[in-house]
Amino acid sequence: MRATIEARRELGPEYEAALVESFVERLDQSIAHRVRAEMHAAGAPPHPSAPPRKKSGNPSIPIALGSMGIGIPLTAIAATEAGTAGLLLAWVGIVAINLAHAIGNRRDRGRD
C-alpha cells in the first residue's frame, strides 16, 4: 500500500485510478493465495465434494456489518496516515470485498 501511495505522489492524480486498480488486484491475489495456503495447511480438499448446506438468513449481513465495523477505524487511520489517497485505497478495498461476495452469491444462486 505504501508503494502505491508513493507511486501516486510521484505520478500525480491522473494515474490514481490505475494505481488503485492495480493495488486491489494485488490485494485480491494475496488474499486468495493466503486462503488457499490456509486451506491446504488444514487438510481441506481444494473443492468441496458435497454442495454446502444452505444457511438460514441473509449471508450478506455479516459482510456488511464487518465492512462497517472495519471501515470506521480504517477510515480514520488511512485519512490520518495517507490522506485522501489512503482513504480512497482503504474504501476501494472494502468495496472490492463486498463486490466479490455479492458476485459469489449471485453465481451460487444461479447453480440452484
Protein backbone atom coordinates (compact mmCIF):
# COMPACT_ATOMS: atom_id res chain seq x y z
CA MET A 1 0.00 0.00 0.00
CA ARG A 2 2.83 2.35 0.82
CA ALA A 3 4.43 1.73 -2.57
CA THR A 4 1.12 2.54 -4.27
CA ILE A 5 0.78 5.76 -2.30
CA GLU A 6 4.38 6.74 -3.13
CA ALA A 7 3.77 5.98 -6.82
CA ARG A 8 0.65 8.17 -6.72
CA ARG A 9 2.67 11.02 -5.25
CA GLU A 10 5.30 10.67 -7.97
CA LEU A 11 2.95 10.12 -10.91
CA GLY A 12 0.20 12.51 -9.91
CA PRO A 13 -3.58 12.21 -9.62
CA GLU A 14 -4.15 11.32 -13.29
CA TYR A 15 -2.76 7.81 -12.60
CA GLU A 16 -4.70 7.33 -9.37
CA ALA A 17 -7.42 5.07 -10.85
CA ALA A 18 -4.88 2.76 -12.47
CA LEU A 19 -2.82 2.59 -9.29
CA VAL A 20 -5.88 1.80 -7.17
CA GLU A 21 -6.98 -0.91 -9.61
CA SER A 22 -3.51 -2.44 -9.57
CA PHE A 23 -3.40 -2.36 -5.78
CA VAL A 24 -6.81 -4.02 -5.44
CA GLU A 25 -5.82 -6.72 -7.93
CA ARG A 26 -2.63 -7.50 -5.98
CA LEU A 27 -4.61 -7.48 -2.75
CA ASP A 28 -7.17 -9.93 -4.17
CA GLN A 29 -4.39 -12.25 -5.36
CA SER A 30 -2.66 -12.09 -1.99
CA ILE A 31 -5.87 -12.88 -0.11
CA ALA A 32 -6.68 -15.79 -2.45
CA HIS A 33 -3.17 -17.18 -2.04
CA ARG A 34 -3.39 -16.98 1.76
CA VAL A 35 -6.80 -18.63 1.83
CA ARG A 36 -5.56 -21.50 -0.38
CA ALA A 37 -2.48 -21.92 1.83
CA GLU A 38 -4.59 -22.00 5.00
CA MET A 39 -7.00 -24.50 3.49
CA HIS A 40 -4.12 -26.68 2.31
CA ALA A 41 -2.49 -26.50 5.77
CA ALA A 42 -5.79 -27.50 7.37
CA GLY A 43 -6.04 -30.50 5.03
CA ALA A 44 -9.18 -29.27 3.30
CA PRO A 45 -9.80 -30.57 -0.22
CA PRO A 46 -9.39 -27.97 -2.99
CA HIS A 47 -13.08 -28.22 -3.92
CA PRO A 48 -15.84 -29.47 -1.62
CA SER A 49 -17.15 -32.87 -2.72
CA ALA A 50 -20.68 -32.18 -1.48
CA PRO A 51 -22.57 -28.95 -2.06
CA PRO A 52 -22.61 -26.72 1.01
CA ARG A 53 -25.74 -26.69 3.09
CA LYS A 54 -27.95 -23.65 2.84
CA LYS A 55 -27.91 -21.44 5.90
CA SER A 56 -30.96 -19.60 7.01
CA GLY A 57 -30.90 -15.82 6.89
CA ASN A 58 -29.10 -13.41 4.64
CA PRO A 59 -25.38 -14.22 4.30
CA SER A 60 -24.65 -10.64 3.22
CA ILE A 61 -25.48 -9.18 6.63
CA PRO A 62 -22.24 -10.30 8.35
CA ILE A 63 -20.19 -8.97 5.41
CA ALA A 64 -22.00 -5.62 5.52
CA LEU A 65 -21.63 -5.30 9.29
CA GLY A 66 -17.99 -6.37 9.14
CA SER A 67 -17.32 -3.80 6.42
CA MET A 68 -18.82 -1.05 8.52
CA GLY A 69 -17.01 -2.26 11.65
CA ILE A 70 -13.64 -2.27 9.95
CA GLY A 71 -14.40 0.74 7.76
CA ILE A 72 -14.73 3.20 10.63
CA PRO A 73 -11.26 2.72 12.19
CA LEU A 74 -9.68 2.09 8.78
CA THR A 75 -11.06 5.40 7.54
CA ALA A 76 -9.53 7.26 10.48
CA ILE A 77 -6.15 5.54 10.12
CA ALA A 78 -5.97 5.88 6.34
CA ALA A 79 -7.02 9.54 6.33
CA THR A 80 -4.56 10.41 9.08
CA GLU A 81 -1.58 8.49 7.71
CA ALA A 82 -2.02 8.76 3.94
CA GLY A 83 -4.59 11.49 3.32
CA THR A 84 -7.13 11.27 0.53
CA ALA A 85 -5.23 8.62 -1.44
CA GLY A 86 -5.06 6.33 1.59
CA LEU A 87 -8.72 6.89 2.33
CA LEU A 88 -9.62 6.06 -1.25
CA LEU A 89 -7.48 2.91 -1.24
CA ALA A 90 -8.99 1.71 2.02
CA TRP A 91 -12.56 2.10 0.80
CA VAL A 92 -11.82 0.65 -2.64
CA GLY A 93 -10.56 -2.46 -0.83
CA ILE A 94 -13.71 -2.66 1.29
CA VAL A 95 -15.92 -2.17 -1.76
CA ALA A 96 -13.95 -4.83 -3.69
CA ILE A 97 -14.53 -7.37 -0.91
CA ASN A 98 -18.25 -6.61 -0.86
CA LEU A 99 -18.49 -6.87 -4.65
CA ALA A 100 -16.64 -10.18 -4.67
CA HIS A 101 -19.04 -11.50 -2.05
CA ALA A 102 -22.08 -10.29 -3.98
CA ILE A 103 -20.83 -11.80 -7.25
CA GLY A 104 -20.09 -15.09 -5.49
CA ASN A 105 -23.61 -15.17 -4.04
CA ARG A 106 -25.11 -14.44 -7.45
CA ARG A 107 -23.14 -17.31 -9.02
CA ASP A 108 -24.16 -19.70 -6.22
CA ARG A 109 -27.82 -18.80 -6.69
CA GLY A 110 -27.53 -19.48 -10.42
CA ARG A 111 -26.47 -23.11 -9.71
CA ASP A 112 -29.53 -23.89 -7.55
